[in-house]
PDB file of N, CA and C in Angstrom:
ATOM      1  N   MET A   1      38.636 158.219  55.840  1.00  0.00           N
ATOM      2  CA  MET A   1      38.069 159.032  56.893  1.00  0.00           C
ATOM      3  C   MET A   1      36.567 159.145  56.641  1.00  0.00           C
ATOM      4  N   GLU A   2      35.804 158.896  57.667  1.00  0.00           N
ATOM      5  CA  GLU A   2      34.358 158.944  57.533  1.00  0.00           C
ATOM      6  C   GLU A   2      33.903 160.337  57.109  1.00  0.00           C
ATOM      7  N   GLY A   3      33.040 160.388  56.123  1.00  0.00           N
ATOM      8  CA  GLY A   3      32.524 161.662  55.638  1.00  0.00           C
ATOM      9  C   GLY A   3      33.487 162.416  54.730  1.00  0.00           C
ATOM     10  N   TYR A   4      34.638 161.818  54.413  1.00  0.00           N
ATOM     11  CA  TYR A   4      35.634 162.471  53.570  1.00  0.00           C
ATOM     12  C   TYR A   4      36.254 161.420  52.642  1.00  0.00           C
ATOM     13  N   PRO A   5      35.453 160.841  51.734  1.00  0.00           N
ATOM     14  CA  PRO A   5      35.981 159.788  50.864  1.00  0.00           C
ATOM     15  C   PRO A   5      37.002 160.340  49.873  1.00  0.00           C
ATOM     16  N   LEU A   6      38.065 159.609  49.680  1.00  0.00           N
ATOM     17  CA  LEU A   6      39.093 159.998  48.718  1.00  0.00           C
ATOM     18  C   LEU A   6      39.065 159.034  47.552  1.00  0.00           C
ATOM     19  N   ASP A   7      39.041 159.563  46.358  1.00  0.00           N
ATOM     20  CA  ASP A   7      39.093 158.728  45.169  1.00  0.00           C
ATOM     21  C   ASP A   7      40.543 158.413  44.842  1.00  0.00           C
ATOM     22  N   ALA A   8      40.765 157.185  44.380  1.00  0.00           N
ATOM     23  CA  ALA A   8      42.104 156.812  43.929  1.00  0.00           C
ATOM     24  C   ALA A   8      42.452 157.631  42.691  1.00  0.00           C
ATOM     25  N   SER A   9      43.736 157.915  42.511  1.00  0.00           N
ATOM     26  CA  SER A   9      44.164 158.689  41.348  1.00  0.00           C
ATOM     27  C   SER A   9      43.841 157.936  40.070  1.00  0.00           C
ATOM     28  N   SER A  10      43.399 158.648  39.072  1.00  0.00           N
ATOM     29  CA  SER A  10      43.142 158.028  37.774  1.00  0.00           C
ATOM     30  C   SER A  10      43.919 158.740  36.671  1.00  0.00           C
ATOM     31  N   GLY A  11      44.950 159.446  37.036  1.00  0.00           N
ATOM     32  CA  GLY A  11      45.759 160.143  36.052  1.00  0.00           C
ATOM     33  C   GLY A  11      46.613 159.187  35.240  1.00  0.00           C
ATOM     34  N   SER A  12      46.654 159.383  33.933  1.00  0.00           N
ATOM     35  CA  SER A  12      47.380 158.453  33.063  1.00  0.00           C
ATOM     36  C   SER A  12      48.880 158.465  33.332  1.00  0.00           C
ATOM     37  N   HIS A  13      49.461 159.631  33.626  1.00  0.00           N
ATOM     38  CA  HIS A  13      50.899 159.678  33.916  1.00  0.00           C
ATOM     39  C   HIS A  13      51.209 158.913  35.194  1.00  0.00           C
ATOM     40  N   PHE A  14      50.348 159.061  36.183  1.00  0.00           N
ATOM     41  CA  PHE A  14      50.537 158.341  37.440  1.00  0.00           C
ATOM     42  C   PHE A  14      50.571 156.840  37.178  1.00  0.00           C
ATOM     43  N   PHE A  15      49.575 156.318  36.468  1.00  0.00           N
ATOM     44  CA  PHE A  15      49.518 154.881  36.232  1.00  0.00           C
ATOM     45  C   PHE A  15      50.620 154.401  35.302  1.00  0.00           C
ATOM     46  N   HIS A  16      51.028 155.209  34.362  1.00  0.00           N
ATOM     47  CA  HIS A  16      52.158 154.827  33.512  1.00  0.00           C
ATOM     48  C   HIS A  16      53.406 154.643  34.366  1.00  0.00           C
ATOM     49  N   ASN A  17      53.673 155.593  35.260  1.00  0.00           N
ATOM     50  CA  ASN A  17      54.857 155.492  36.109  1.00  0.00           C
ATOM     51  C   ASN A  17      54.770 154.290  37.054  1.00  0.00           C
ATOM     52  N   VAL A  18      53.615 154.088  37.643  1.00  0.00           N
ATOM     53  CA  VAL A  18      53.436 152.977  38.579  1.00  0.00           C
ATOM     54  C   VAL A  18      53.639 151.639  37.877  1.00  0.00           C
ATOM     55  N   THR A  19      53.011 151.459  36.727  1.00  0.00           N
ATOM     56  CA  THR A  19      53.118 150.170  36.044  1.00  0.00           C
ATOM     57  C   THR A  19      54.503 149.960  35.447  1.00  0.00           C
ATOM     58  N   SER A  20      55.108 150.985  34.882  1.00  0.00           N
ATOM     59  CA  SER A  20      56.423 150.806  34.265  1.00  0.00           C
ATOM     60  C   SER A  20      57.508 150.525  35.302  1.00  0.00           C
ATOM     61  N   MET A  21      57.311 150.998  36.533  1.00  0.00           N
ATOM     62  CA  MET A  21      58.281 150.733  37.601  1.00  0.00           C
ATOM     63  C   MET A  21      57.868 149.534  38.461  1.00  0.00           C
ATOM     64  N   GLN A  22      56.794 148.868  38.074  1.00  0.00           N
ATOM     65  CA  GLN A  22      56.276 147.699  38.775  1.00  0.00           C
ATOM     66  C   GLN A  22      56.069 147.970  40.268  1.00  0.00           C
ATOM     67  N   VAL A  23      55.441 149.118  40.542  1.00  0.00           N
ATOM     68  CA  VAL A  23      55.130 149.514  41.913  1.00  0.00           C
ATOM     69  C   VAL A  23      53.705 149.084  42.223  1.00  0.00           C
ATOM     70  N   GLY A  24      53.527 148.414  43.348  1.00  0.00           N
ATOM     71  CA  GLY A  24      52.189 148.025  43.754  1.00  0.00           C
ATOM     72  C   GLY A  24      51.425 149.228  44.277  1.00  0.00           C
ATOM     73  N   TYR A  25      50.174 149.341  43.899  1.00  0.00           N
ATOM     74  CA  TYR A  25      49.338 150.473  44.304  1.00  0.00           C
ATOM     75  C   TYR A  25      47.933 149.963  44.552  1.00  0.00           C
ATOM     76  N   PHE A  26      47.397 150.272  45.713  1.00  0.00           N
ATOM     77  CA  PHE A  26      46.000 149.947  45.958  1.00  0.00           C
ATOM     78  C   PHE A  26      45.413 150.941  46.933  1.00  0.00           C
ATOM     79  N   SER A  27      44.097 151.048  46.875  1.00  0.00           N
ATOM     80  CA  SER A  27      43.389 151.915  47.801  1.00  0.00           C
ATOM     81  C   SER A  27      42.325 151.092  48.510  1.00  0.00           C
ATOM     82  N   ILE A  28      41.911 151.564  49.653  1.00  0.00           N
ATOM     83  CA  ILE A  28      40.902 150.869  50.440  1.00  0.00           C
ATOM     84  C   ILE A  28      39.649 151.718  50.436  1.00  0.00           C
ATOM     85  N   GLN A  29      38.609 151.189  49.854  1.00  0.00           N
ATOM     86  CA  GLN A  29      37.324 151.874  49.793  1.00  0.00           C
ATOM     87  C   GLN A  29      36.376 151.135  50.720  1.00  0.00           C
ATOM     88  N   GLN A  30      36.273 151.628  51.956  1.00  0.00           N
ATOM     89  CA  GLN A  30      35.527 150.914  52.977  1.00  0.00           C
ATOM     90  C   GLN A  30      34.039 150.796  52.673  1.00  0.00           C
ATOM     91  N   GLU A  31      33.550 151.646  51.766  1.00  0.00           N
ATOM     92  CA  GLU A  31      32.132 151.554  51.418  1.00  0.00           C
ATOM     93  C   GLU A  31      31.840 150.334  50.540  1.00  0.00           C
ATOM     94  N   LEU A  32      32.872 149.700  49.994  1.00  0.00           N
ATOM     95  CA  LEU A  32      32.703 148.495  49.195  1.00  0.00           C
ATOM     96  C   LEU A  32      32.846 147.260  50.090  1.00  0.00           C
ATOM     97  N   SER A  33      32.042 146.293  49.844  1.00  0.00           N
ATOM     98  CA  SER A  33      32.059 145.066  50.634  1.00  0.00           C
ATOM     99  C   SER A  33      33.422 144.386  50.545  1.00  0.00           C
ATOM    100  N   GLY A  34      33.937 143.965  51.682  1.00  0.00           N
ATOM    101  CA  GLY A  34      35.206 143.240  51.717  1.00  0.00           C
ATOM    102  C   GLY A  34      36.423 144.118  51.897  1.00  0.00           C
ATOM    103  N   ASN A  35      36.285 145.431  51.810  1.00  0.00           N
ATOM    104  CA  ASN A  35      37.405 146.347  52.026  1.00  0.00           C
ATOM    105  C   ASN A  35      37.328 146.879  53.450  1.00  0.00           C
ATOM    106  N   TYR A  36      38.410 146.756  54.189  1.00  0.00           N
ATOM    107  CA  TYR A  36      38.382 147.270  55.550  1.00  0.00           C
ATOM    108  C   TYR A  36      39.795 147.521  56.075  1.00  0.00           C
ATOM    109  N   ILE A  37      39.864 148.303  57.112  1.00  0.00           N
ATOM    110  CA  ILE A  37      41.106 148.583  57.834  1.00  0.00           C
ATOM    111  C   ILE A  37      40.873 148.196  59.284  1.00  0.00           C
ATOM    112  N   LYS A  38      41.805 147.494  59.869  1.00  0.00           N
ATOM    113  CA  LYS A  38      41.709 147.149  61.289  1.00  0.00           C
ATOM    114  C   LYS A  38      42.286 148.323  62.091  1.00  0.00           C
ATOM    115  N   TRP A  39      41.428 149.311  62.347  1.00  0.00           N
ATOM    116  CA  TRP A  39      41.855 150.531  63.023  1.00  0.00           C
ATOM    117  C   TRP A  39      42.428 150.247  64.405  1.00  0.00           C
ATOM    118  N   ASP A  40      41.896 149.252  65.107  1.00  0.00           N
ATOM    119  CA  ASP A  40      42.393 148.941  66.447  1.00  0.00           C
ATOM    120  C   ASP A  40      43.852 148.502  66.403  1.00  0.00           C
ATOM    121  N   VAL A  41      44.249 147.797  65.345  1.00  0.00           N
ATOM    122  CA  VAL A  41      45.648 147.379  65.201  1.00  0.00           C
ATOM    123  C   VAL A  41      46.535 148.609  65.001  1.00  0.00           C
ATOM    124  N   LEU A  42      46.099 149.548  64.176  1.00  0.00           N
ATOM    125  CA  LEU A  42      46.873 150.772  63.949  1.00  0.00           C
ATOM    126  C   LEU A  42      46.980 151.605  65.223  1.00  0.00           C
ATOM    127  N   LYS A  43      45.874 151.705  65.960  1.00  0.00           N
ATOM    128  CA  LYS A  43      45.875 152.516  67.183  1.00  0.00           C
ATOM    129  C   LYS A  43      46.770 151.945  68.273  1.00  0.00           C
ATOM    130  N   ASP A  44      47.072 150.643  68.197  1.00  0.00           N
ATOM    131  CA  ASP A  44      47.925 149.999  69.205  1.00  0.00           C
ATOM    132  C   ASP A  44      49.424 150.163  68.935  1.00  0.00           C
ATOM    133  N   GLN A  45      49.786 150.806  67.818  1.00  0.00           N
ATOM    134  CA  GLN A  45      51.203 150.933  67.452  1.00  0.00           C
ATOM    135  C   GLN A  45      51.820 152.181  68.073  1.00  0.00           C
ATOM    136  N   LYS A  46      53.154 152.149  68.152  1.00  0.00           N
ATOM    137  CA  LYS A  46      53.898 153.286  68.700  1.00  0.00           C
ATOM    138  C   LYS A  46      53.747 154.489  67.767  1.00  0.00           C
ATOM    139  N   VAL A  47      53.340 155.631  68.324  1.00  0.00           N
ATOM    140  CA  VAL A  47      53.176 156.850  67.534  1.00  0.00           C
ATOM    141  C   VAL A  47      54.525 157.552  67.412  1.00  0.00           C
ATOM    142  N   ILE A  48      54.953 157.776  66.187  1.00  0.00           N
ATOM    143  CA  ILE A  48      56.208 158.476  65.895  1.00  0.00           C
ATOM    144  C   ILE A  48      55.934 159.971  65.760  1.00  0.00           C
ATOM    145  N   GLN A  49      54.838 160.305  65.059  1.00  0.00           N
ATOM    146  CA  GLN A  49      54.452 161.702  64.873  1.00  0.00           C
ATOM    147  C   GLN A  49      52.945 161.768  64.696  1.00  0.00           C
ATOM    148  N   LYS A  50      52.321 162.736  65.328  1.00  0.00           N
ATOM    149  CA  LYS A  50      50.877 162.937  65.206  1.00  0.00           C
ATOM    150  C   LYS A  50      50.634 164.369  64.760  1.00  0.00           C
ATOM    151  N   THR A  51      49.866 164.518  63.681  1.00  0.00           N
ATOM    152  CA  THR A  51      49.519 165.843  63.176  1.00  0.00           C
ATOM    153  C   THR A  51      48.001 165.923  63.049  1.00  0.00           C
ATOM    154  N   LYS A  52      47.544 167.032  62.558  1.00  0.00           N
ATOM    155  CA  LYS A  52      46.104 167.219  62.352  1.00  0.00           C
ATOM    156  C   LYS A  52      45.559 166.227  61.327  1.00  0.00           C
ATOM    157  N   PHE A  53      46.373 165.843  60.333  1.00  0.00           N
ATOM    158  CA  PHE A  53      45.899 165.042  59.217  1.00  0.00           C
ATOM    159  C   PHE A  53      46.351 163.591  59.207  1.00  0.00           C
ATOM    160  N   PHE A  54      47.380 163.243  59.957  1.00  0.00           N
ATOM    161  CA  PHE A  54      47.832 161.851  59.938  1.00  0.00           C
ATOM    162  C   PHE A  54      48.575 161.503  61.221  1.00  0.00           C
ATOM    163  N   ASN A  55      48.657 160.202  61.462  1.00  0.00           N
ATOM    164  CA  ASN A  55      49.492 159.655  62.534  1.00  0.00           C
ATOM    165  C   ASN A  55      50.547 158.778  61.889  1.00  0.00           C
ATOM    166  N   HIS A  56      51.792 159.008  62.203  1.00  0.00           N
ATOM    167  CA  HIS A  56      52.891 158.178  61.728  1.00  0.00           C
ATOM    168  C   HIS A  56      53.160 157.176  62.838  1.00  0.00           C
ATOM    169  N   VAL A  57      52.942 155.892  62.548  1.00  0.00           N
ATOM    170  CA  VAL A  57      53.138 154.856  63.559  1.00  0.00           C
ATOM    171  C   VAL A  57      54.234 153.902  63.115  1.00  0.00           C
ATOM    172  N   ARG A  58      54.767 153.164  64.085  1.00  0.00           N
ATOM    173  CA  ARG A  58      55.814 152.180  63.790  1.00  0.00           C
ATOM    174  C   ARG A  58      55.422 150.843  64.390  1.00  0.00           C
ATOM    175  N   PHE A  59      55.526 149.805  63.572  1.00  0.00           N
ATOM    176  CA  PHE A  59      55.271 148.449  64.017  1.00  0.00           C
ATOM    177  C   PHE A  59      56.561 147.836  64.551  1.00  0.00           C
ATOM    178  N   ASP A  60      56.441 146.883  65.467  1.00  0.00           N
ATOM    179  CA  ASP A  60      57.621 146.210  66.014  1.00  0.00           C
ATOM    180  C   ASP A  60      58.342 145.388  64.951  1.00  0.00           C
ATOM    181  N   LYS A  61      57.568 144.776  64.063  1.00  0.00           N
ATOM    182  CA  LYS A  61      58.129 143.953  62.994  1.00  0.00           C
ATOM    183  C   LYS A  61      57.632 144.497  61.654  1.00  0.00           C
ATOM    184  N   PRO A  62      58.366 144.250  60.574  1.00  0.00           N
ATOM    185  CA  PRO A  62      57.918 144.710  59.255  1.00  0.00           C
ATOM    186  C   PRO A  62      56.566 144.101  58.878  1.00  0.00           C
ATOM    187  N   LEU A  63      55.794 144.846  58.130  1.00  0.00           N
ATOM    188  CA  LEU A  63      54.531 144.353  57.601  1.00  0.00           C
ATOM    189  C   LEU A  63      54.806 143.558  56.333  1.00  0.00           C
ATOM    190  N   GLU A  64      53.938 142.603  56.053  1.00  0.00           N
ATOM    191  CA  GLU A  64      54.054 141.843  54.816  1.00  0.00           C
ATOM    192  C   GLU A  64      52.883 142.234  53.927  1.00  0.00           C
ATOM    193  N   VAL A  65      53.187 142.721  52.720  1.00  0.00           N
ATOM    194  CA  VAL A  65      52.162 143.164  51.781  1.00  0.00           C
ATOM    195  C   VAL A  65      52.112 142.155  50.633  1.00  0.00           C
ATOM    196  N   LYS A  66      50.915 141.625  50.409  1.00  0.00           N
ATOM    197  CA  LYS A  66      50.715 140.677  49.316  1.00  0.00           C
ATOM    198  C   LYS A  66      49.687 141.280  48.367  1.00  0.00           C
ATOM    199  N   MET A  67      50.031 141.259  47.074  1.00  0.00           N
ATOM    200  CA  MET A  67      49.142 141.853  46.072  1.00  0.00           C
ATOM    201  C   MET A  67      49.054 140.959  44.849  1.00  0.00           C
ATOM    202  N   ASP A  68      47.878 140.943  44.246  1.00  0.00           N
ATOM    203  CA  ASP A  68      47.668 140.314  42.951  1.00  0.00           C
ATOM    204  C   ASP A  68      46.862 141.309  42.127  1.00  0.00           C
ATOM    205  N   GLY A  69      47.557 142.075  41.311  1.00  0.00           N
ATOM    206  CA  GLY A  69      46.912 143.118  40.532  1.00  0.00           C
ATOM    207  C   GLY A  69      45.945 142.593  39.494  1.00  0.00           C
ATOM    208  N   LYS A  70      46.195 141.400  38.958  1.00  0.00           N
ATOM    209  CA  LYS A  70      45.305 140.842  37.943  1.00  0.00           C
ATOM    210  C   LYS A  70      43.968 140.440  38.543  1.00  0.00           C
ATOM    211  N   GLN A  71      43.987 139.942  39.790  1.00  0.00           N
ATOM    212  CA  GLN A  71      42.741 139.559  40.448  1.00  0.00           C
ATOM    213  C   GLN A  71      42.192 140.670  41.346  1.00  0.00           C
ATOM    214  N   ARG A  72      42.920 141.788  41.402  1.00  0.00           N
ATOM    215  CA  ARG A  72      42.517 142.960  42.200  1.00  0.00           C
ATOM    216  C   ARG A  72      42.325 142.576  43.672  1.00  0.00           C
ATOM    217  N   PHE A  73      43.392 141.966  44.236  1.00  0.00           N
ATOM    218  CA  PHE A  73      43.356 141.509  45.609  1.00  0.00           C
ATOM    219  C   PHE A  73      44.646 141.930  46.307  1.00  0.00           C
ATOM    220  N   ALA A  74      44.516 142.420  47.528  1.00  0.00           N
ATOM    221  CA  ALA A  74      45.707 142.789  48.305  1.00  0.00           C
ATOM    222  C   ALA A  74      45.405 142.615  49.789  1.00  0.00           C
ATOM    223  N   VAL A  75      46.449 142.314  50.552  1.00  0.00           N
ATOM    224  CA  VAL A  75      46.322 142.177  51.997  1.00  0.00           C
ATOM    225  C   VAL A  75      47.631 142.632  52.630  1.00  0.00           C
ATOM    226  N   VAL A  76      47.524 143.266  53.796  1.00  0.00           N
ATOM    227  CA  VAL A  76      48.697 143.664  54.565  1.00  0.00           C
ATOM    228  C   VAL A  76      48.632 142.875  55.866  1.00  0.00           C
ATOM    229  N   GLU A  77      49.672 142.075  56.120  1.00  0.00           N
ATOM    230  CA  GLU A  77      49.686 141.228  57.312  1.00  0.00           C
ATOM    231  C   GLU A  77      50.648 141.788  58.346  1.00  0.00           C
ATOM    232  N   VAL A  78      50.207 141.720  59.595  1.00  0.00           N
ATOM    233  CA  VAL A  78      51.038 142.169  60.723  1.00  0.00           C
ATOM    234  C   VAL A  78      51.814 140.981  61.239  1.00  0.00           C
TER     235      VAL A  78
END
């Protein structure tokens, strides 16, 4: 959200749990070059629930998430 940057968690317990369960985790920091969200794609999806803080949307087909934690690269494909 513009003007409200969120830092990724850096808690050791959080990362221990994530890595030991082999859960993929990434954050998008739009202020860094190459990081972006295609907001227009999200806005075109069916809204399931809208609140003050988030919109829950549903895609027609499942998203495909590809991650390479060693190279610090991730992409979500529609």
